[in-house]
Amino acid sequence: DTAVYYCSATNGGNNIYTPALYVYWGQGTQV
């Protein structure tokens, strides 16, 4: 599980399943 973890958000809608729709990103946090 060791990785940099990034929070993300889509640009709208209600589709949570398609990775390409996540277009906003945080800076990341190391785990």
PDB file of all heavy atoms in Angstrom:
ATOM      1  N   ASP A   1       0.813  -1.206   0.000  1.00  0.00           N
ATOM      2  CA  ASP A   1       0.000   0.000   0.000  1.00  0.00           C
ATOM      3  C   ASP A   1       0.852   1.264   0.000  1.00  0.00           C
ATOM      4  O   ASP A   1       0.311   2.366  -0.135  1.00  0.00           O
ATOM      5  CB  ASP A   1      -0.936   0.031   1.209  1.00  0.00           C
ATOM      6  CG  ASP A   1      -1.981  -1.068   1.174  1.00  0.00           C
ATOM      7  OD1 ASP A   1      -2.552  -1.324   0.097  1.00  0.00           O
ATOM      8  OD2 ASP A   1      -2.234  -1.665   2.242  1.00  0.00           O
ATOM      9  N   THR A   2       2.147   1.115   0.173  1.00  0.00           N
ATOM     10  CA  THR A   2       3.044   2.262   0.186  1.00  0.00           C
ATOM     11  C   THR A   2       2.960   3.004  -1.143  1.00  0.00           C
ATOM     12  O   THR A   2       3.152   2.421  -2.207  1.00  0.00           O
ATOM     13  CB  THR A   2       4.480   1.820   0.452  1.00  0.00           C
ATOM     14  OG1 THR A   2       4.566   1.263   1.765  1.00  0.00           O
ATOM     15  CG2 THR A   2       5.443   2.995   0.342  1.00  0.00           C
ATOM     16  N   ALA A   3       2.657   4.294  -1.080  1.00  0.00           N
ATOM     17  CA  ALA A   3       2.488   5.097  -2.283  1.00  0.00           C
ATOM     18  C   ALA A   3       2.229   6.538  -1.881  1.00  0.00           C
ATOM     19  O   ALA A   3       1.982   6.843  -0.710  1.00  0.00           O
ATOM     20  CB  ALA A   3       1.315   4.577  -3.122  1.00  0.00           C
ATOM     21  N   VAL A   4       2.264   7.413  -2.873  1.00  0.00           N
ATOM     22  CA  VAL A   4       1.724   8.750  -2.702  1.00  0.00           C
ATOM     23  C   VAL A   4       0.244   8.681  -3.032  1.00  0.00           C
ATOM     24  O   VAL A   4      -0.138   8.207  -4.102  1.00  0.00           O
ATOM     25  CB  VAL A   4       2.429   9.780  -3.602  1.00  0.00           C
ATOM     26  CG1 VAL A   4       1.783  11.152  -3.443  1.00  0.00           C
ATOM     27  CG2 VAL A   4       3.909   9.848  -3.262  1.00  0.00           C
ATOM     28  N   TYR A   5      -0.586   9.135  -2.117  1.00  0.00           N
ATOM     29  CA  TYR A   5      -2.029   9.106  -2.291  1.00  0.00           C
ATOM     30  C   TYR A   5      -2.530  10.490  -2.671  1.00  0.00           C
ATOM     31  O   TYR A   5      -2.193  11.485  -2.022  1.00  0.00           O
ATOM     32  CB  TYR A   5      -2.717   8.632  -1.012  1.00  0.00           C
ATOM     33  CG  TYR A   5      -2.613   7.139  -0.810  1.00  0.00           C
ATOM     34  CD1 TYR A   5      -1.402   6.553  -0.479  1.00  0.00           C
ATOM     35  CD2 TYR A   5      -3.725   6.320  -0.972  1.00  0.00           C
ATOM     36  CE1 TYR A   5      -1.295   5.180  -0.321  1.00  0.00           C
ATOM     37  CE2 TYR A   5      -3.629   4.948  -0.804  1.00  0.00           C
ATOM     38  CZ  TYR A   5      -2.411   4.382  -0.478  1.00  0.00           C
ATOM     39  OH  TYR A   5      -2.309   3.020  -0.311  1.00  0.00           O
ATOM     40  N   TYR A   6      -3.335  10.531  -3.722  1.00  0.00           N
ATOM     41  CA  TYR A   6      -3.862  11.779  -4.247  1.00  0.00           C
ATOM     42  C   TYR A   6      -5.376  11.829  -4.120  1.00  0.00           C
ATOM     43  O   TYR A   6      -6.070  10.902  -4.543  1.00  0.00           O
ATOM     44  CB  TYR A   6      -3.510  11.938  -5.725  1.00  0.00           C
ATOM     45  CG  TYR A   6      -2.031  12.016  -6.004  1.00  0.00           C
ATOM     46  CD1 TYR A   6      -1.300  10.877  -6.291  1.00  0.00           C
ATOM     47  CD2 TYR A   6      -1.387  13.243  -5.987  1.00  0.00           C
ATOM     48  CE1 TYR A   6       0.057  10.948  -6.552  1.00  0.00           C
ATOM     49  CE2 TYR A   6      -0.027  13.331  -6.245  1.00  0.00           C
ATOM     50  CZ  TYR A   6       0.683  12.175  -6.531  1.00  0.00           C
ATOM     51  OH  TYR A   6       2.033  12.259  -6.791  1.00  0.00           O
ATOM     52  N   CYS A   7      -5.877  12.901  -3.571  1.00  0.00           N
ATOM     53  CA  CYS A   7      -7.303  13.179  -3.600  1.00  0.00           C
ATOM     54  C   CYS A   7      -7.663  13.722  -4.971  1.00  0.00           C
ATOM     55  O   CYS A   7      -6.877  14.445  -5.591  1.00  0.00           O
ATOM     56  CB  CYS A   7      -7.652  14.196  -2.515  1.00  0.00           C
ATOM     57  SG  CYS A   7      -9.386  14.670  -2.465  1.00  0.00           S
ATOM     58  N   SER A   8      -8.863  13.382  -5.453  1.00  0.00           N
ATOM     59  CA  SER A   8      -9.284  13.834  -6.768  1.00  0.00           C
ATOM     60  C   SER A   8     -10.784  14.076  -6.785  1.00  0.00           C
ATOM     61  O   SER A   8     -11.518  13.600  -5.916  1.00  0.00           O
ATOM     62  CB  SER A   8      -8.897  12.793  -7.825  1.00  0.00           C
ATOM     63  OG  SER A   8      -9.144  13.277  -9.131  1.00  0.00           O
ATOM     64  N   ALA A   9     -11.231  14.815  -7.787  1.00  0.00           N
ATOM     65  CA  ALA A   9     -12.645  15.091  -7.976  1.00  0.00           C
ATOM     66  C   ALA A   9     -12.948  15.178  -9.458  1.00  0.00           C
ATOM     67  O   ALA A   9     -12.089  15.564 -10.254  1.00  0.00           O
ATOM     68  CB  ALA A   9     -13.058  16.386  -7.277  1.00  0.00           C
ATOM     69  N   THR A  10     -14.178  14.827  -9.826  1.00  0.00           N
ATOM     70  CA  THR A  10     -14.603  14.968 -11.210  1.00  0.00           C
ATOM     71  C   THR A  10     -15.086  16.389 -11.464  1.00  0.00           C
ATOM     72  O   THR A  10     -15.178  17.207 -10.547  1.00  0.00           O
ATOM     73  CB  THR A  10     -15.713  13.972 -11.557  1.00  0.00           C
ATOM     74  OG1 THR A  10     -16.944  14.401 -10.950  1.00  0.00           O
ATOM     75  CG2 THR A  10     -15.376  12.570 -11.079  1.00  0.00           C
ATOM     76  N   ASN A  11     -15.447  16.667 -12.712  1.00  0.00           N
ATOM     77  CA  ASN A  11     -15.941  17.995 -13.075  1.00  0.00           C
ATOM     78  C   ASN A  11     -17.458  18.097 -13.010  1.00  0.00           C
ATOM     79  O   ASN A  11     -18.034  19.083 -13.462  1.00  0.00           O
ATOM     80  CB  ASN A  11     -15.451  18.391 -14.467  1.00  0.00           C
ATOM     81  CG  ASN A  11     -15.955  17.453 -15.554  1.00  0.00           C
ATOM     82  OD1 ASN A  11     -16.631  16.468 -15.281  1.00  0.00           O
ATOM     83  ND2 ASN A  11     -15.610  17.770 -16.795  1.00  0.00           N
ATOM     84  N   GLY A  12     -18.120  17.088 -12.461  1.00  0.00           N
ATOM     85  CA  GLY A  12     -19.561  17.109 -12.318  1.00  0.00           C
ATOM     86  C   GLY A  12     -20.178  15.758 -12.609  1.00  0.00           C
ATOM     87  O   GLY A  12     -19.475  14.759 -12.785  1.00  0.00           O
ATOM     88  N   GLY A  13     -21.497  15.730 -12.656  1.00  0.00           N
ATOM     89  CA  GLY A  13     -22.198  14.493 -12.906  1.00  0.00           C
ATOM     90  C   GLY A  13     -22.209  13.601 -11.689  1.00  0.00           C
ATOM     91  O   GLY A  13     -21.920  14.027 -10.567  1.00  0.00           O
ATOM     92  N   ASN A  14     -22.536  12.331 -11.924  1.00  0.00           N
ATOM     93  CA  ASN A  14     -22.621  11.377 -10.833  1.00  0.00           C
ATOM     94  C   ASN A  14     -21.923  10.069 -11.167  1.00  0.00           C
ATOM     95  O   ASN A  14     -22.216   9.038 -10.569  1.00  0.00           O
ATOM     96  CB  ASN A  14     -24.084  11.109 -10.461  1.00  0.00           C
ATOM     97  CG  ASN A  14     -24.237  10.531  -9.072  1.00  0.00           C
ATOM     98  OD1 ASN A  14     -23.524  10.904  -8.143  1.00  0.00           O
ATOM     99  ND2 ASN A  14     -25.182   9.612  -8.917  1.00  0.00           N
ATOM    100  N   ASN A  15     -21.010  10.112 -12.128  1.00  0.00           N
ATOM    101  CA  ASN A  15     -20.250   8.934 -12.521  1.00  0.00           C
ATOM    102  C   ASN A  15     -18.976   8.870 -11.695  1.00  0.00           C
ATOM    103  O   ASN A  15     -18.081   9.701 -11.850  1.00  0.00           O
ATOM    104  CB  ASN A  15     -19.926   8.987 -14.014  1.00  0.00           C
ATOM    105  CG  ASN A  15     -19.220   7.745 -14.509  1.00  0.00           C
ATOM    106  OD1 ASN A  15     -18.716   6.933 -13.735  1.00  0.00           O
ATOM    107  ND2 ASN A  15     -19.168   7.589 -15.830  1.00  0.00           N
ATOM    108  N   ILE A  16     -18.887   7.874 -10.826  1.00  0.00           N
ATOM    109  CA  ILE A  16     -17.722   7.731  -9.955  1.00  0.00           C
ATOM    110  C   ILE A  16     -16.753   6.672 -10.449  1.00  0.00           C
ATOM    111  O   ILE A  16     -15.680   6.509  -9.858  1.00  0.00           O
ATOM    112  CB  ILE A  16     -18.140   7.379  -8.520  1.00  0.00           C
ATOM    113  CG1 ILE A  16     -18.727   5.965  -8.450  1.00  0.00           C
ATOM    114  CG2 ILE A  16     -19.133   8.400  -7.984  1.00  0.00           C
ATOM    115  CD1 ILE A  16     -18.966   5.469  -7.033  1.00  0.00           C
ATOM    116  N   TYR A  17     -17.099   5.974 -11.509  1.00  0.00           N
ATOM    117  CA  TYR A  17     -16.388   4.760 -11.892  1.00  0.00           C
ATOM    118  C   TYR A  17     -15.336   4.942 -12.966  1.00  0.00           C
ATOM    119  O   TYR A  17     -14.517   4.029 -13.164  1.00  0.00           O
ATOM    120  CB  TYR A  17     -17.393   3.699 -12.363  1.00  0.00           C
ATOM    121  CG  TYR A  17     -18.453   3.379 -11.340  1.00  0.00           C
ATOM    122  CD1 TYR A  17     -19.758   3.834 -11.499  1.00  0.00           C
ATOM    123  CD2 TYR A  17     -18.145   2.634 -10.206  1.00  0.00           C
ATOM    124  CE1 TYR A  17     -20.731   3.551 -10.559  1.00  0.00           C
ATOM    125  CE2 TYR A  17     -19.115   2.345  -9.268  1.00  0.00           C
ATOM    126  CZ  TYR A  17     -20.404   2.806  -9.446  1.00  0.00           C
ATOM    127  OH  TYR A  17     -21.367   2.518  -8.511  1.00  0.00           O
ATOM    128  N   THR A  18     -15.336   6.054 -13.664  1.00  0.00           N
ATOM    129  CA  THR A  18     -14.441   6.249 -14.801  1.00  0.00           C
ATOM    130  C   THR A  18     -13.259   7.117 -14.404  1.00  0.00           C
ATOM    131  O   THR A  18     -13.425   8.319 -14.168  1.00  0.00           O
ATOM    132  CB  THR A  18     -15.190   6.889 -15.974  1.00  0.00           C
ATOM    133  OG1 THR A  18     -16.336   6.093 -16.298  1.00  0.00           O
ATOM    134  CG2 THR A  18     -14.288   6.998 -17.195  1.00  0.00           C
ATOM    135  N   PRO A  19     -12.059   6.548 -14.323  1.00  0.00           N
ATOM    136  CA  PRO A  19     -10.897   7.329 -13.875  1.00  0.00           C
ATOM    137  C   PRO A  19     -10.640   8.600 -14.671  1.00  0.00           C
ATOM    138  O   PRO A  19     -10.213   9.604 -14.096  1.00  0.00           O
ATOM    139  CB  PRO A  19      -9.734   6.332 -14.013  1.00  0.00           C
ATOM    140  CG  PRO A  19     -10.372   4.990 -13.862  1.00  0.00           C
ATOM    141  CD  PRO A  19     -11.714   5.125 -14.531  1.00  0.00           C
ATOM    142  N   ALA A  20     -10.912   8.576 -15.979  1.00  0.00           N
ATOM    143  CA  ALA A  20     -10.638   9.738 -16.817  1.00  0.00           C
ATOM    144  C   ALA A  20     -11.471  10.952 -16.439  1.00  0.00           C
ATOM    145  O   ALA A  20     -11.124  12.073 -16.804  1.00  0.00           O
ATOM    146  CB  ALA A  20     -10.856   9.387 -18.286  1.00  0.00           C
ATOM    147  N   LEU A  21     -12.571  10.757 -15.721  1.00  0.00           N
ATOM    148  CA  LEU A  21     -13.426  11.868 -15.330  1.00  0.00           C
ATOM    149  C   LEU A  21     -12.892  12.627 -14.120  1.00  0.00           C
ATOM    150  O   LEU A  21     -13.376  13.723 -13.823  1.00  0.00           O
ATOM    151  CB  LEU A  21     -14.839  11.373 -15.041  1.00  0.00           C
ATOM    152  CG  LEU A  21     -15.594  10.780 -16.236  1.00  0.00           C
ATOM    153  CD1 LEU A  21     -16.971  10.292 -15.810  1.00  0.00           C
ATOM    154  CD2 LEU A  21     -15.726  11.798 -17.356  1.00  0.00           C
ATOM    155  N   TYR A  22     -11.944  12.061 -13.426  1.00  0.00           N
ATOM    156  CA  TYR A  22     -11.334  12.744 -12.283  1.00  0.00           C
ATOM    157  C   TYR A  22     -10.253  13.680 -12.808  1.00  0.00           C
ATOM    158  O   TYR A  22      -9.171  13.235 -13.222  1.00  0.00           O
ATOM    159  CB  TYR A  22     -10.770  11.725 -11.296  1.00  0.00           C
ATOM    160  CG  TYR A  22     -11.840  10.939 -10.590  1.00  0.00           C
ATOM    161  CD1 TYR A  22     -12.376   9.789 -11.145  1.00  0.00           C
ATOM    162  CD2 TYR A  22     -12.329  11.368  -9.352  1.00  0.00           C
ATOM    163  CE1 TYR A  22     -13.373   9.082 -10.490  1.00  0.00           C
ATOM    164  CE2 TYR A  22     -13.319  10.661  -8.698  1.00  0.00           C
ATOM    165  CZ  TYR A  22     -13.839   9.518  -9.274  1.00  0.00           C
ATOM    166  OH  TYR A  22     -14.824   8.814  -8.615  1.00  0.00           O
ATOM    167  N   VAL A  23     -10.529  14.959 -12.781  1.00  0.00           N
ATOM    168  CA  VAL A  23      -9.672  15.945 -13.440  1.00  0.00           C
ATOM    169  C   VAL A  23      -9.048  16.956 -12.490  1.00  0.00           C
ATOM    170  O   VAL A  23      -8.174  17.720 -12.897  1.00  0.00           O
ATOM    171  CB  VAL A  23     -10.440  16.693 -14.546  1.00  0.00           C
ATOM    172  CG1 VAL A  23     -10.867  15.732 -15.646  1.00  0.00           C
ATOM    173  CG2 VAL A  23     -11.661  17.409 -13.969  1.00  0.00           C
ATOM    174  N   TYR A  24      -9.487  16.988 -11.244  1.00  0.00           N
ATOM    175  CA  TYR A  24      -8.911  17.883 -10.253  1.00  0.00           C
ATOM    176  C   TYR A  24      -8.112  17.069  -9.249  1.00  0.00           C
ATOM    177  O   TYR A  24      -8.546  15.989  -8.826  1.00  0.00           O
ATOM    178  CB  TYR A  24     -10.004  18.691  -9.541  1.00  0.00           C
ATOM    179  CG  TYR A  24     -10.837  19.521 -10.481  1.00  0.00           C
ATOM    180  CD1 TYR A  24     -12.140  19.169 -10.773  1.00  0.00           C
ATOM    181  CD2 TYR A  24     -10.304  20.659 -11.079  1.00  0.00           C
ATOM    182  CE1 TYR A  24     -12.904  19.932 -11.644  1.00  0.00           C
ATOM    183  CE2 TYR A  24     -11.061  21.419 -11.952  1.00  0.00           C
ATOM    184  CZ  TYR A  24     -12.363  21.054 -12.230  1.00  0.00           C
ATOM    185  OH  TYR A  24     -13.114  21.807 -13.099  1.00  0.00           O
ATOM    186  N   TRP A  25      -6.964  17.611  -8.859  1.00  0.00           N
ATOM    187  CA  TRP A  25      -6.015  16.834  -8.070  1.00  0.00           C
ATOM    188  C   TRP A  25      -5.427  17.636  -6.927  1.00  0.00           C
ATOM    189  O   TRP A  25      -5.163  18.833  -7.051  1.00  0.00           O
ATOM    190  CB  TRP A  25      -4.867  16.336  -8.959  1.00  0.00           C
ATOM    191  CG  TRP A  25      -5.341  15.452 -10.055  1.00  0.00           C
ATOM    192  CD1 TRP A  25      -5.723  15.815 -11.305  1.00  0.00           C
ATOM    193  CD2 TRP A  25      -5.509  14.035  -9.983  1.00  0.00           C
ATOM    194  NE1 TRP A  25      -6.110  14.725 -12.028  1.00  0.00           N
ATOM    195  CE2 TRP A  25      -5.987  13.619 -11.240  1.00  0.00           C
ATOM    196  CE3 TRP A  25      -5.287  13.088  -8.979  1.00  0.00           C
ATOM    197  CZ2 TRP A  25      -6.263  12.281 -11.519  1.00  0.00           C
ATOM    198  CZ3 TRP A  25      -5.564  11.766  -9.253  1.00  0.00           C
ATOM    199  CH2 TRP A  25      -6.042  11.380 -10.513  1.00  0.00           C
ATOM    200  N   GLY A  26      -5.215  16.951  -5.806  1.00  0.00           N
ATOM    201  CA  GLY A  26      -4.457  17.524  -4.714  1.00  0.00           C
ATOM    202  C   GLY A  26      -2.967  17.315  -4.916  1.00  0.00           C
ATOM    203  O   GLY A  26      -2.522  16.740  -5.907  1.00  0.00           O
ATOM    204  N   GLN A  27      -2.183  17.781  -3.972  1.00  0.00           N
ATOM    205  CA  GLN A  27      -0.736  17.693  -4.057  1.00  0.00           C
ATOM    206  C   GLN A  27      -0.197  16.311  -3.722  1.00  0.00           C
ATOM    207  O   GLN A  27       0.921  15.970  -4.104  1.00  0.00           O
ATOM    208  CB  GLN A  27      -0.085  18.722  -3.131  1.00  0.00           C
ATOM    209  CG  GLN A  27      -0.254  20.158  -3.570  1.00  0.00           C
ATOM    210  CD  GLN A  27       0.574  20.481  -4.785  1.00  0.00           C
ATOM    211  OE1 GLN A  27       0.040  20.553  -5.896  1.00  0.00           O
ATOM    212  NE2 GLN A  27       1.865  20.661  -4.595  1.00  0.00           N
ATOM    213  N   GLY A  28      -0.966  15.511  -3.017  1.00  0.00           N
ATOM    214  CA  GLY A  28      -0.554  14.180  -2.638  1.00  0.00           C
ATOM    215  C   GLY A  28      -0.022  14.124  -1.218  1.00  0.00           C
ATOM    216  O   GLY A  28       0.530  15.098  -0.704  1.00  0.00           O
ATOM    217  N   THR A  29      -0.177  12.969  -0.591  1.00  0.00           N
ATOM    218  CA  THR A  29       0.354  12.736   0.741  1.00  0.00           C
ATOM    219  C   THR A  29       0.978  11.343   0.777  1.00  0.00           C
ATOM    220  O   THR A  29       0.406  10.385   0.277  1.00  0.00           O
ATOM    221  CB  THR A  29      -0.749  12.900   1.814  1.00  0.00           C
ATOM    222  OG1 THR A  29      -0.178  12.775   3.118  1.00  0.00           O
ATOM    223  CG2 THR A  29      -1.865  11.879   1.648  1.00  0.00           C
ATOM    224  N   GLN A  30       2.163  11.249   1.353  1.00  0.00           N
ATOM    225  CA  GLN A  30       2.919   9.997   1.356  1.00  0.00           C
ATOM    226  C   GLN A  30       2.408   9.059   2.434  1.00  0.00           C
ATOM    227  O   GLN A  30       2.273   9.452   3.597  1.00  0.00           O
ATOM    228  CB  GLN A  30       4.410  10.278   1.577  1.00  0.00           C
ATOM    229  CG  GLN A  30       5.277   9.024   1.669  1.00  0.00           C
ATOM    230  CD  GLN A  30       5.417   8.319   0.342  1.00  0.00           C
ATOM    231  OE1 GLN A  30       5.686   8.950  -0.676  1.00  0.00           O
ATOM    232  NE2 GLN A  30       5.223   6.996   0.351  1.00  0.00           N
ATOM    233  N   VAL A  31       2.149   7.821   2.038  1.00  0.00           N
ATOM    234  CA  VAL A  31       1.820   6.749   2.970  1.00  0.00           C
ATOM    235  C   VAL A  31       2.889   5.680   2.836  1.00  0.00           C
ATOM    236  O   VAL A  31       3.111   5.149   1.745  1.00  0.00           O
ATOM    237  CB  VAL A  31       0.434   6.152   2.687  1.00  0.00           C
ATOM    238  CG1 VAL A  31       0.198   4.907   3.547  1.00  0.00           C
ATOM    239  CG2 VAL A  31      -0.647   7.186   2.934  1.00  0.00           C
TER     240      VAL A  31
END
